[in-house]
Amino acid sequence: MSFASFSEFLAMGSHGPYVWSAYGISFLVVLLNVALPLLARRRYLQEEARRLRREGAQ
């Protein structure tokens, strides 16, 4: 598939809003699937460090 201009590429033959919103939602889901476990791991490690400090202080 070839396009005469960049604006035609973005329009995708009048299917542009559907195509680009699908790409955007997919990218968001992939980003969340990477970011949320990393944030959960960081939170878990911080809680464990706090717990170990509390137990060591007693």
C-alpha atoms as a PDB file:
ATOM      1  CA  MET A   1       0.000   0.000   0.000  1.00  0.00           C
ATOM      2  CA  SER A   2       1.475   3.345  -0.969  1.00  0.00           C
ATOM      3  CA  PHE A   3       0.324   6.822  -0.071  1.00  0.00           C
ATOM      4  CA  ALA A   4       0.808  10.027  -2.055  1.00  0.00           C
ATOM      5  CA  SER A   5       1.401  12.149   1.065  1.00  0.00           C
ATOM      6  CA  PHE A   6       1.884  11.892   4.775  1.00  0.00           C
ATOM      7  CA  SER A   7      -1.617  13.261   5.414  1.00  0.00           C
ATOM      8  CA  GLU A   8      -3.069  10.446   3.280  1.00  0.00           C
ATOM      9  CA  PHE A   9      -1.013   8.009   5.317  1.00  0.00           C
ATOM     10  CA  LEU A  10      -2.467   9.391   8.550  1.00  0.00           C
ATOM     11  CA  ALA A  11      -6.005   9.322   7.122  1.00  0.00           C
ATOM     12  CA  MET A  12      -5.582   5.660   6.057  1.00  0.00           C
ATOM     13  CA  GLY A  13      -8.304   6.005   3.464  1.00  0.00           C
ATOM     14  CA  SER A  14     -10.802   7.392   6.016  1.00  0.00           C
ATOM     15  CA  HIS A  15     -10.008   4.573   8.475  1.00  0.00           C
ATOM     16  CA  GLY A  16      -7.351   6.639  10.244  1.00  0.00           C
ATOM     17  CA  PRO A  17      -9.201   7.323  13.510  1.00  0.00           C
ATOM     18  CA  TYR A  18      -9.912   3.613  13.983  1.00  0.00           C
ATOM     19  CA  VAL A  19      -6.402   2.506  12.986  1.00  0.00           C
ATOM     20  CA  TRP A  20      -4.534   5.061  15.085  1.00  0.00           C
ATOM     21  CA  SER A  21      -6.769   4.651  18.140  1.00  0.00           C
ATOM     22  CA  ALA A  22      -6.212   0.877  17.937  1.00  0.00           C
ATOM     23  CA  TYR A  23      -2.446   1.442  17.796  1.00  0.00           C
ATOM     24  CA  GLY A  24      -2.656   3.895  20.696  1.00  0.00           C
ATOM     25  CA  ILE A  25      -4.695   1.570  22.895  1.00  0.00           C
ATOM     26  CA  SER A  26      -2.379  -1.338  22.094  1.00  0.00           C
ATOM     27  CA  PHE A  27       0.674   0.745  22.953  1.00  0.00           C
ATOM     28  CA  LEU A  28      -0.942   1.827  26.226  1.00  0.00           C
ATOM     29  CA  VAL A  29      -1.704  -1.782  27.183  1.00  0.00           C
ATOM     30  CA  VAL A  30       1.863  -2.876  26.422  1.00  0.00           C
ATOM     31  CA  LEU A  31       3.239   0.069  28.398  1.00  0.00           C
ATOM     32  CA  LEU A  32       1.045  -0.783  31.394  1.00  0.00           C
ATOM     33  CA  ASN A  33       2.063  -4.459  31.177  1.00  0.00           C
ATOM     34  CA  VAL A  34       5.676  -3.356  31.542  1.00  0.00           C
ATOM     35  CA  ALA A  35       5.298  -0.490  34.011  1.00  0.00           C
ATOM     36  CA  LEU A  36       2.882  -1.947  36.579  1.00  0.00           C
ATOM     37  CA  PRO A  37       4.993  -5.011  37.500  1.00  0.00           C
ATOM     38  CA  LEU A  38       8.079  -2.798  37.802  1.00  0.00           C
ATOM     39  CA  LEU A  39       6.244  -0.434  40.139  1.00  0.00           C
ATOM     40  CA  ALA A  40       4.849  -3.346  42.152  1.00  0.00           C
ATOM     41  CA  ARG A  41       8.353  -4.826  42.496  1.00  0.00           C
ATOM     42  CA  ARG A  42       9.760  -1.496  43.690  1.00  0.00           C
ATOM     43  CA  ARG A  43       6.927  -1.135  46.224  1.00  0.00           C
ATOM     44  CA  TYR A  44       7.473  -4.712  47.466  1.00  0.00           C
ATOM     45  CA  LEU A  45      11.212  -4.184  47.896  1.00  0.00           C
ATOM     46  CA  GLN A  46      10.632  -0.942  49.795  1.00  0.00           C
ATOM     47  CA  GLU A  47       8.136  -2.633  52.103  1.00  0.00           C
ATOM     48  CA  GLU A  48      10.514  -5.539  52.719  1.00  0.00           C
ATOM     49  CA  ALA A  49      13.368  -3.146  53.500  1.00  0.00           C
ATOM     50  CA  ARG A  50      11.126  -1.309  55.972  1.00  0.00           C
ATOM     51  CA  ARG A  51      10.073  -4.601  57.566  1.00  0.00           C
ATOM     52  CA  LEU A  52      13.681  -5.779  57.902  1.00  0.00           C
ATOM     53  CA  ARG A  53      14.719  -2.460  59.479  1.00  0.00           C
ATOM     54  CA  ARG A  54      11.842  -2.741  61.986  1.00  0.00           C
ATOM     55  CA  GLU A  55      12.765  -6.312  62.880  1.00  0.00           C
ATOM     56  CA  GLY A  56      16.445  -5.422  63.175  1.00  0.00           C
ATOM     57  CA  ALA A  57      15.691  -2.524  65.531  1.00  0.00           C
ATOM     58  CA  GLN A  58      13.882  -4.758  68.015  1.00  0.00           C
END
